[in-house]
C-alpha atoms as a PDB file:
ATOM      1  CA  MET A   1      85.656  84.581  84.210  1.00  0.00           C
ATOM      2  CA  VAL A   2      89.094  83.372  85.110  1.00  0.00           C
ATOM      3  CA  LYS A   3      89.062  79.746  86.158  1.00  0.00           C
ATOM      4  CA  PHE A   4      90.579  79.507  89.616  1.00  0.00           C
ATOM      5  CA  SER A   5      92.053  76.125  88.703  1.00  0.00           C
ATOM      6  CA  ARG A   6      94.167  77.911  86.081  1.00  0.00           C
ATOM      7  CA  ILE A   7      95.599  80.587  88.381  1.00  0.00           C
ATOM      8  CA  ASN A   8      99.348  80.178  88.768  1.00  0.00           C
ATOM      9  CA  ILE A   9     100.748  82.765  91.156  1.00  0.00           C
ATOM     10  CA  GLU A  10     104.287  81.771  90.204  1.00  0.00           C
ATOM     11  CA  SER A  11     103.843  83.079  86.640  1.00  0.00           C
ATOM     12  CA  GLU A  12     104.560  86.632  85.567  1.00  0.00           C
ATOM     13  CA  GLY A  13     101.927  89.289  84.857  1.00  0.00           C
ATOM     14  CA  LEU A  14      98.722  88.258  83.140  1.00  0.00           C
ATOM     15  CA  ASN A  15     100.126  84.757  82.677  1.00  0.00           C
ATOM     16  CA  LYS A  16      99.016  84.171  86.272  1.00  0.00           C
ATOM     17  CA  PHE A  17      95.424  84.156  85.009  1.00  0.00           C
ATOM     18  CA  PHE A  18      95.533  83.469  81.266  1.00  0.00           C
ATOM     19  CA  SER A  19      97.400  81.217  78.864  1.00  0.00           C
ATOM     20  CA  PRO A  20     100.304  82.798  76.961  1.00  0.00           C
ATOM     21  CA  ASN A  21      98.229  82.856  73.745  1.00  0.00           C
ATOM     22  CA  GLU A  22      95.298  84.501  75.536  1.00  0.00           C
ATOM     23  CA  VAL A  23      97.650  87.148  76.941  1.00  0.00           C
ATOM     24  CA  ARG A  24      99.124  87.911  73.515  1.00  0.00           C
ATOM     25  CA  ILE A  25      95.674  88.266  71.960  1.00  0.00           C
ATOM     26  CA  LEU A  26      94.299  90.387  74.806  1.00  0.00           C
ATOM     27  CA  GLN A  27      97.299  92.709  74.685  1.00  0.00           C
ATOM     28  CA  LEU A  28      96.903  93.115  70.929  1.00  0.00           C
ATOM     29  CA  LEU A  29      93.191  93.874  71.274  1.00  0.00           C
ATOM     30  CA  TRP A  30      93.867  96.462  73.999  1.00  0.00           C
ATOM     31  CA  GLU A  31      96.401  98.076  71.691  1.00  0.00           C
ATOM     32  CA  LYS A  32      94.299  98.020  68.501  1.00  0.00           C
ATOM     33  CA  GLU A  33      90.854  98.267  70.201  1.00  0.00           C
ATOM     34  CA  LYS A  34      89.282  95.903  67.645  1.00  0.00           C
ATOM     35  CA  SER A  35      90.438  93.344  65.064  1.00  0.00           C
ATOM     36  CA  THR A  36      89.381  90.401  62.970  1.00  0.00           C
ATOM     37  CA  SER A  37      90.976  87.009  63.561  1.00  0.00           C
ATOM     38  CA  THR A  38      92.852  87.440  60.264  1.00  0.00           C
ATOM     39  CA  GLU A  39      94.266  90.797  61.396  1.00  0.00           C
ATOM     40  CA  ILE A  40      95.310  89.232  64.692  1.00  0.00           C
ATOM     41  CA  ASN A  41      96.981  86.406  62.752  1.00  0.00           C
ATOM     42  CA  GLU A  42      98.934  88.962  60.700  1.00  0.00           C
ATOM     43  CA  CYS A  43     100.335  90.433  63.927  1.00  0.00           C
ATOM     44  CA  ILE A  44     100.812  87.121  65.744  1.00  0.00           C
ATOM     45  CA  ASN A  45     101.901  85.080  62.768  1.00  0.00           C
ATOM     46  CA  ASP A  46     103.591  82.281  64.719  1.00  0.00           C
ATOM     47  CA  LEU A  47     100.121  81.014  65.718  1.00  0.00           C
ATOM     48  CA  SER A  48      97.788  79.349  63.247  1.00  0.00           C
ATOM     49  CA  LEU A  49      94.515  81.014  62.369  1.00  0.00           C
ATOM     50  CA  ALA A  50      92.709  78.002  63.888  1.00  0.00           C
ATOM     51  CA  CYS A  51      94.583  78.481  67.188  1.00  0.00           C
ATOM     52  CA  ILE A  52      93.705  82.182  67.241  1.00  0.00           C
ATOM     53  CA  ALA A  53      90.040  81.469  66.431  1.00  0.00           C
ATOM     54  CA  GLY A  54      89.826  78.848  69.193  1.00  0.00           C
ATOM     55  CA  THR A  55      91.480  81.151  71.718  1.00  0.00           C
ATOM     56  CA  LEU A  56      89.177  84.028  70.751  1.00  0.00           C
ATOM     57  CA  ASP A  57      86.167  81.742  71.162  1.00  0.00           C
ATOM     58  CA  ARG A  58      87.277  80.846  74.719  1.00  0.00           C
ATOM     59  CA  LEU A  59      87.834  84.521  75.551  1.00  0.00           C
ATOM     60  CA  VAL A  60      84.376  85.403  74.195  1.00  0.00           C
ATOM     61  CA  LYS A  61      82.708  82.587  76.178  1.00  0.00           C
ATOM     62  CA  SER A  62      84.451  83.718  79.359  1.00  0.00           C
ATOM     63  CA  GLY A  63      83.379  87.341  78.831  1.00  0.00           C
ATOM     64  CA  PHE A  64      86.808  88.903  78.298  1.00  0.00           C
ATOM     65  CA  VAL A  65      86.353  89.584  74.582  1.00  0.00           C
ATOM     66  CA  GLU A  66      83.271  90.683  72.643  1.00  0.00           C
ATOM     67  CA  ARG A  67      82.475  89.454  69.140  1.00  0.00           C
ATOM     68  CA  GLU A  68      80.412  91.347  66.564  1.00  0.00           C
ATOM     69  CA  LEU A  69      79.148  89.727  63.379  1.00  0.00           C
ATOM     70  CA  ILE A  70      79.725  91.774  60.222  1.00  0.00           C
ATOM     71  CA  ASP A  71      77.927  90.639  57.074  1.00  0.00           C
ATOM     72  CA  THR A  72      79.764  91.934  54.024  1.00  0.00           C
ATOM     73  CA  GLU A  73      78.813  91.267  50.408  1.00  0.00           C
ATOM     74  CA  SER A  74      81.511  88.644  49.993  1.00  0.00           C
ATOM     75  CA  LYS A  75      81.477  86.865  53.365  1.00  0.00           C
ATOM     76  CA  ILE A  76      80.582  86.923  57.031  1.00  0.00           C
ATOM     77  CA  LYS A  77      83.323  87.953  59.443  1.00  0.00           C
ATOM     78  CA  TYR A  78      83.692  88.735  63.117  1.00  0.00           C
ATOM     79  CA  ILE A  79      85.190  91.806  64.732  1.00  0.00           C
ATOM     80  CA  TYR A  80      86.692  91.208  68.175  1.00  0.00           C
ATOM     81  CA  ARG A  81      87.233  93.809  70.876  1.00  0.00           C
ATOM     82  CA  PRO A  82      88.182  93.624  74.539  1.00  0.00           C
ATOM     83  CA  ALA A  83      85.153  93.533  76.827  1.00  0.00           C
ATOM     84  CA  HIS A  84      87.085  95.413  79.532  1.00  0.00           C
ATOM     85  CA  THR A  85      90.101  97.658  79.811  1.00  0.00           C
ATOM     86  CA  LYS A  86      93.144  96.116  81.448  1.00  0.00           C
ATOM     87  CA  ALA A  87      92.386  98.082  84.627  1.00  0.00           C
ATOM     88  CA  GLU A  88      88.755  96.922  84.663  1.00  0.00           C
ATOM     89  CA  MET A  89      89.901  93.347  84.183  1.00  0.00           C
ATOM     90  CA  GLY A  90      92.279  93.746  87.124  1.00  0.00           C
ATOM     91  CA  THR A  91      89.375  94.872  89.266  1.00  0.00           C
ATOM     92  CA  LEU A  92      87.155  91.969  88.178  1.00  0.00           C
ATOM     93  CA  ILE A  93      89.836  89.362  88.795  1.00  0.00           C
ATOM     94  CA  SER A  94      90.836  90.933  92.120  1.00  0.00           C
ATOM     95  CA  GLU A  95      87.255  90.927  93.342  1.00  0.00           C
ATOM     96  CA  ARG A  96      86.803  87.249  92.442  1.00  0.00           C
ATOM     97  CA  VAL A  97      90.063  86.223  94.103  1.00  0.00           C
ATOM     98  CA  ILE A  98      89.380  88.280  97.243  1.00  0.00           C
ATOM     99  CA  GLU A  99      85.814  86.936  97.525  1.00  0.00           C
ATOM    100  CA  SER A 100      87.170  83.400  97.277  1.00  0.00           C
ATOM    101  CA  LEU A 101      89.828  84.062  99.914  1.00  0.00           C
ATOM    102  CA  ILE A 102      87.317  85.630 102.300  1.00  0.00           C
ATOM    103  CA  ASP A 103      84.902  82.753 101.711  1.00  0.00           C
ATOM    104  CA  THR A 104      87.670  80.311 102.619  1.00  0.00           C
ATOM    105  CA  PHE A 105      89.571  82.153 105.378  1.00  0.00           C
ATOM    106  CA  GLY A 106      87.153  84.810 106.665  1.00  0.00           C
ATOM    107  CA  ASP A 107      88.341  87.920 108.518  1.00  0.00           C
ATOM    108  CA  THR A 108      91.948  86.755 108.459  1.00  0.00           C
ATOM    109  CA  VAL A 109      92.096  87.900 104.842  1.00  0.00           C
ATOM    110  CA  THR A 110      90.841  91.421 105.520  1.00  0.00           C
ATOM    111  CA  ASP A 111      93.193  91.696 108.522  1.00  0.00           C
ATOM    112  CA  THR A 112      96.088  90.714 106.254  1.00  0.00           C
ATOM    113  CA  PHE A 113      95.190  93.383 103.699  1.00  0.00           C
ATOM    114  CA  GLY A 114      95.431  95.965 106.458  1.00  0.00           C
ATOM    115  CA  LYS A 115      99.057  94.900 107.067  1.00  0.00           C
ATOM    116  CA  TYR A 116     100.037  94.647 103.390  1.00  0.00           C
ATOM    117  CA  LYS A 117     102.423  97.186 101.938  1.00  0.00           C
ATOM    118  CA  LYS A 118     103.218  97.275  98.235  1.00  0.00           C
ATOM    119  CA  LYS A 119     106.749  96.163  97.422  1.00  0.00           C
ATOM    120  CA  LYS A 120     108.903  98.887  95.913  1.00  0.00           C
END
């Protein structure tokens, strides 16, 4: 899951919770639904294949991306796909953050949500 120590509420969008490279890879996987690291590298060609592979490994270990091993005649390769839709990920992250806030501040948090109005 998202490491709370990495949350930066001053950043924009998903960069609040993920590194810029993780965001780029996640967005590509949501768009394409599945890809190999080489295919990702073709689309995000300013990152090295090693950087993409390392980032994918972190995303797999944290449960945000799934990896499937494909054994072809010539070589073994991995297919990557998002483990959750963007909306599902928003729910998972929200639940973790809210649980942490409630654990720390108690009912004050739920009272605050009752007063909150979305900015237009």
